[in-house]
């Protein structure tokens, strides 16, 4: 597998360009199990980055609705969803190798065959690899909120990214977000409400209760015990 999670870009003088990224890659240490999963399972469940559109039917060996999750962490909830919905196809994107290895190992243990994973910048994957109008659902759960005001520009939910997601969703497709940081939830709501091609699925015009389709993570359970809130947003593509 490729270990480059971003593609280098250069100006006319050959100098490397610095793009604003929504993530910082942490070089965590791989466990033996995670390394073994990467070594043995990547050829069948992993997909390397390439600057050309994927054939999603060929990737999964069938035509089925595709859910794409951005930043799946250790992959526990993604594997749970894939196991619960064998009639659907799932793609997970994560830039941290320990999480990718853990997800692959969990998928094998659960007997999941409808999941493919990638280790690359999700924006580049969406721009280059995902065909337009090909996704039924895009999931973004607990992205880095970039708490400090001077870092807010790094938040992945910005108008250009929302437009990109909109292009990749089929008509009626859903963009589901969740965060445990209220200021970020408010930011998400503002950006999404300004996107003309999305419709808020909230009956109250803001947030939705956590749907049963989003498994409750250990992280979220701990937050609930501490009294922390979680905000889910679901928007449907209108055209």
Protein backbone atom coordinates (compact mmCIF):
# COMPACT_ATOMS: atom_id res chain seq x y z
CA UNK A 1 0.00 0.00 0.00
CA UNK A 2 1.05 3.59 -0.56
CA UNK A 3 2.07 5.55 2.55
CA UNK A 4 1.54 9.00 1.01
CA UNK A 5 -1.71 10.45 2.35
CA UNK A 6 -1.41 13.68 0.35
CA UNK A 7 -0.30 14.27 -3.22
CA UNK A 8 2.51 16.85 -3.52
CA UNK A 9 1.69 20.02 -5.44
CA UNK A 10 4.24 22.46 -6.88
CA UNK A 11 4.17 25.98 -8.26
CA UNK A 12 5.68 27.06 -11.60
CA UNK A 13 9.12 27.32 -9.97
CA UNK A 14 8.90 23.78 -8.64
CA UNK A 15 8.37 24.85 -5.04
CA UNK A 16 6.07 22.74 -2.91
CA UNK A 17 2.67 24.31 -2.30
CA UNK A 18 1.09 24.22 1.14
CA UNK A 19 -2.63 23.51 1.15
CA UNK A 20 -4.78 24.09 4.21
CA UNK A 21 -5.57 20.63 5.54
CA UNK A 22 -8.32 19.65 7.93
CA UNK A 23 -6.11 17.04 9.61
CA UNK A 24 -2.68 16.52 11.08
CA UNK A 25 -1.35 13.02 10.52
CA UNK A 26 -0.30 11.43 13.80
CA UNK A 27 2.39 8.80 13.44
CA UNK A 28 1.04 6.35 15.99
CA UNK A 29 2.80 3.07 16.62
CA UNK A 30 1.25 0.06 14.94
CA UNK A 31 0.50 -3.00 17.05
CA UNK A 32 1.56 -6.37 15.69
CA UNK A 33 -2.07 -7.15 14.94
CA UNK A 34 -2.59 -3.91 13.04
CA UNK A 35 0.59 -4.43 11.02
CA UNK A 36 -0.43 -8.00 10.24
CA UNK A 37 -3.84 -6.81 9.07
CA UNK A 38 -2.24 -4.22 6.79
CA UNK A 39 0.16 -6.80 5.38
CA UNK A 40 -2.43 -9.52 4.76
CA UNK A 41 -5.77 -7.76 4.21
CA UNK A 42 -4.85 -4.62 2.29
CA UNK A 43 -4.64 -6.48 -1.06
CA UNK A 44 -8.32 -7.48 -0.79
CA UNK A 45 -9.92 -4.68 1.26
CA UNK A 46 -7.53 -1.77 0.71
CA UNK A 47 -7.59 0.67 -2.20
CA UNK A 48 -4.58 2.80 -3.08
CA UNK A 49 -5.01 6.40 -4.15
CA UNK A 50 -5.01 7.06 -7.86
CA UNK A 51 -5.81 10.28 -9.71
CA UNK A 52 -8.58 8.74 -11.79
CA UNK A 53 -12.19 7.70 -11.12
CA UNK A 54 -12.93 4.37 -9.51
CA UNK A 55 -15.21 1.81 -11.09
CA UNK A 56 -17.32 1.20 -7.99
CA UNK A 57 -19.07 -1.83 -9.46
CA UNK A 58 -15.73 -3.45 -10.24
CA UNK A 59 -14.35 -2.46 -6.82
CA UNK A 60 -17.06 -4.39 -4.99
CA UNK A 61 -17.93 -6.91 -7.65
CA UNK A 62 -21.55 -5.76 -7.68
CA UNK A 63 -23.82 -2.74 -7.98
CA UNK A 64 -25.25 -1.56 -4.65
CA UNK A 65 -25.81 1.73 -2.78
CA UNK A 66 -22.48 3.14 -1.58
CA UNK A 67 -21.84 4.78 1.79
CA UNK A 68 -18.59 6.70 2.21
CA UNK A 69 -17.27 7.55 5.67
CA UNK A 70 -14.58 10.19 6.14
CA UNK A 71 -12.27 9.73 9.13
CA UNK A 72 -13.44 6.41 10.58
CA UNK A 73 -10.95 6.40 13.48
CA UNK A 74 -10.38 2.80 14.55
CA UNK A 75 -13.26 1.66 12.36
CA UNK A 76 -15.50 0.06 15.01
CA UNK A 77 -18.72 1.83 14.04
CA UNK A 78 -17.99 1.54 10.31
CA UNK A 79 -17.52 -2.23 10.57
CA UNK A 80 -20.70 -2.48 12.66
CA UNK A 81 -22.67 -0.64 9.97
CA UNK A 82 -21.19 -2.72 7.15
CA UNK A 83 -21.99 -5.94 9.00
CA UNK A 84 -25.57 -4.77 9.67
CA UNK A 85 -26.16 -3.86 6.01
CA UNK A 86 -24.64 -6.54 3.77
CA UNK A 87 -26.87 -5.32 0.93
CA UNK A 88 -24.92 -2.05 0.81
CA UNK A 89 -21.32 -1.16 -0.08
CA UNK A 90 -19.10 0.88 2.25
CA UNK A 91 -15.92 2.88 1.68
CA UNK A 92 -13.94 4.22 4.63
CA UNK A 93 -11.20 6.85 4.44
CA UNK A 94 -8.71 7.38 7.27
CA UNK A 95 -5.23 8.94 7.26
CA UNK A 96 -3.88 7.24 10.41
CA UNK A 97 -2.39 3.81 9.78
CA UNK A 98 -3.19 2.29 13.22
CA UNK A 99 -6.86 3.01 12.59
CA UNK A 100 -6.70 1.51 9.11
CA UNK A 101 -5.05 -1.62 10.46
CA UNK A 102 -7.56 -1.90 13.30
CA UNK A 103 -10.47 -1.49 10.88
CA UNK A 104 -9.15 -4.19 8.57
CA UNK A 105 -8.68 -6.59 11.48
CA UNK A 106 -12.19 -5.88 12.81
CA UNK A 107 -13.72 -6.36 9.37
CA UNK A 108 -12.07 -9.74 8.99
CA UNK A 109 -13.19 -10.81 12.47
CA UNK A 110 -16.76 -9.74 11.67
CA UNK A 111 -16.75 -11.53 8.33
CA UNK A 112 -17.41 -8.28 6.47
CA UNK A 113 -16.87 -8.38 2.71
CA UNK A 114 -18.72 -5.20 1.64
CA UNK A 115 -16.12 -2.74 2.95
CA UNK A 116 -13.13 -1.12 1.24
CA UNK A 117 -10.72 1.23 3.00
CA UNK A 118 -8.38 3.97 1.87
CA UNK A 119 -5.50 5.79 3.57
CA UNK A 120 -5.38 9.20 1.91
CA UNK A 121 -6.66 12.76 2.11
CA UNK A 122 -10.45 12.49 1.71
CA UNK A 123 -10.67 15.72 -0.28
CA UNK A 124 -8.31 14.35 -2.93
CA UNK A 125 -10.16 11.05 -2.98
CA UNK A 126 -13.48 12.80 -3.54
CA UNK A 127 -12.05 15.11 -6.18
CA UNK A 128 -10.21 12.46 -8.18
CA UNK A 129 -11.57 8.99 -7.43
CA UNK A 130 -15.27 9.16 -6.61
CA UNK A 131 -17.54 9.54 -9.66
CA UNK A 132 -20.15 12.28 -9.56
CA UNK A 133 -23.63 11.30 -8.33
CA UNK A 134 -22.37 7.86 -7.24
CA UNK A 135 -22.89 7.93 -3.45
CA UNK A 136 -26.04 7.27 -1.44
CA UNK A 137 -24.62 8.51 1.87
CA UNK A 138 -21.58 10.45 3.08
CA UNK A 139 -20.74 10.24 6.78
CA UNK A 140 -18.49 12.59 8.76
CA UNK A 141 -18.48 11.77 12.46
CA UNK A 142 -16.56 13.79 15.04
CA UNK A 143 -14.08 15.58 12.76
CA UNK A 144 -11.40 17.71 14.37
CA UNK A 145 -13.24 20.87 15.53
CA UNK A 146 -10.10 23.04 15.49
CA UNK A 147 -11.21 24.88 18.62
CA UNK A 148 -8.99 27.96 18.36
CA UNK A 149 -10.40 30.79 16.26
CA UNK A 150 -7.20 31.12 14.23
CA UNK A 151 -7.53 27.46 13.25
CA UNK A 152 -11.21 27.56 12.24
CA UNK A 153 -10.17 27.76 8.59
CA UNK A 154 -8.91 24.19 8.93
CA UNK A 155 -12.38 22.82 9.65
CA UNK A 156 -13.35 20.42 6.90
CA UNK A 157 -16.92 21.73 6.75
CA UNK A 158 -16.53 24.76 4.51
CA UNK A 159 -18.56 25.82 1.47
CA UNK A 160 -16.16 24.36 -1.17
CA UNK A 161 -16.10 20.98 0.60
CA UNK A 162 -19.89 20.90 0.92
CA UNK A 163 -20.17 21.64 -2.80
CA UNK A 164 -17.76 18.78 -3.50
CA UNK A 165 -19.80 16.35 -1.38
CA UNK A 166 -22.93 17.53 -3.16
CA UNK A 167 -21.45 16.65 -6.54
CA UNK A 168 -20.61 13.13 -5.40
CA UNK A 169 -24.02 12.36 -3.87
CA UNK A 170 -26.81 11.06 -6.03
CA UNK A 171 -30.08 13.02 -6.01
CA UNK A 172 -31.72 12.36 -2.65
CA UNK A 173 -28.41 11.23 -1.14
CA UNK A 174 -27.69 12.09 2.49
CA UNK A 175 -24.81 13.96 4.12
CA UNK A 176 -24.73 12.94 7.80
CA UNK A 177 -22.45 14.79 10.23
CA UNK A 178 -21.95 14.54 13.97
CA UNK A 179 -19.85 16.53 16.45
CA UNK A 180 -19.51 16.87 20.20
CA UNK A 181 -18.38 20.51 20.00
CA UNK A 182 -21.36 22.87 19.95
CA UNK A 183 -19.60 25.81 18.25
CA UNK A 184 -18.63 23.45 15.43
CA UNK A 185 -22.20 22.14 15.24
CA UNK A 186 -23.40 25.71 14.83
CA UNK A 187 -20.75 26.31 12.16
CA UNK A 188 -21.85 23.13 10.33
CA UNK A 189 -25.47 24.22 10.46
CA UNK A 190 -24.67 27.66 9.06
CA UNK A 191 -22.56 26.31 6.18
CA UNK A 192 -25.04 23.59 5.29
CA UNK A 193 -28.02 25.94 5.48
CA UNK A 194 -26.31 28.23 2.97
CA UNK A 195 -25.85 25.37 0.47
CA UNK A 196 -28.69 25.75 -2.03
CA UNK A 197 -28.62 22.11 -3.14
CA UNK A 198 -29.15 20.59 0.33
CA UNK A 199 -32.29 20.30 2.44
CA UNK A 200 -32.18 19.96 6.23
CA UNK A 201 -33.92 16.77 7.40
CA UNK A 202 -34.41 18.15 10.91
CA UNK A 203 -38.04 18.69 11.83
CA UNK A 204 -36.93 21.71 13.87
CA UNK A 205 -34.64 23.16 11.23
CA UNK A 206 -31.43 22.45 13.12
CA UNK A 207 -30.30 19.06 14.47
CA UNK A 208 -31.68 15.52 14.38
CA UNK A 209 -31.71 12.85 17.11
CA UNK A 210 -28.95 10.30 16.69
CA UNK A 211 -30.34 7.84 14.12
CA UNK A 212 -30.16 4.14 14.88
CA UNK A 213 -27.92 3.77 11.83
CA UNK A 214 -25.08 5.55 13.65
CA UNK A 215 -23.70 3.20 16.32
CA UNK A 216 -22.94 4.69 19.72
CA UNK A 217 -19.15 4.70 20.14
CA UNK A 218 -17.21 4.20 23.37
CA UNK A 219 -15.96 7.76 22.98
CA UNK A 220 -19.53 9.04 22.78
CA UNK A 221 -20.69 6.90 25.70
CA UNK A 222 -17.91 8.32 27.85
CA UNK A 223 -18.90 11.83 26.81
CA UNK A 224 -22.50 11.19 27.75
CA UNK A 225 -21.45 10.04 31.22
CA UNK A 226 -19.56 13.32 31.58
CA UNK A 227 -22.58 15.31 30.44
CA UNK A 228 -21.23 16.21 27.02
CA UNK A 229 -23.65 16.83 24.17
CA UNK A 230 -23.56 15.43 20.65
CA UNK A 231 -25.16 17.10 17.65
CA UNK A 232 -26.20 15.18 14.53
CA UNK A 233 -26.98 16.95 11.26
CA UNK A 234 -28.54 15.26 8.24
CA UNK A 235 -29.03 17.01 4.91
CA UNK A 236 -30.45 15.55 1.69
CA UNK A 237 -29.26 16.53 -1.77
CA UNK A 238 -32.19 18.14 -3.54
CA UNK A 239 -31.05 18.02 -7.18
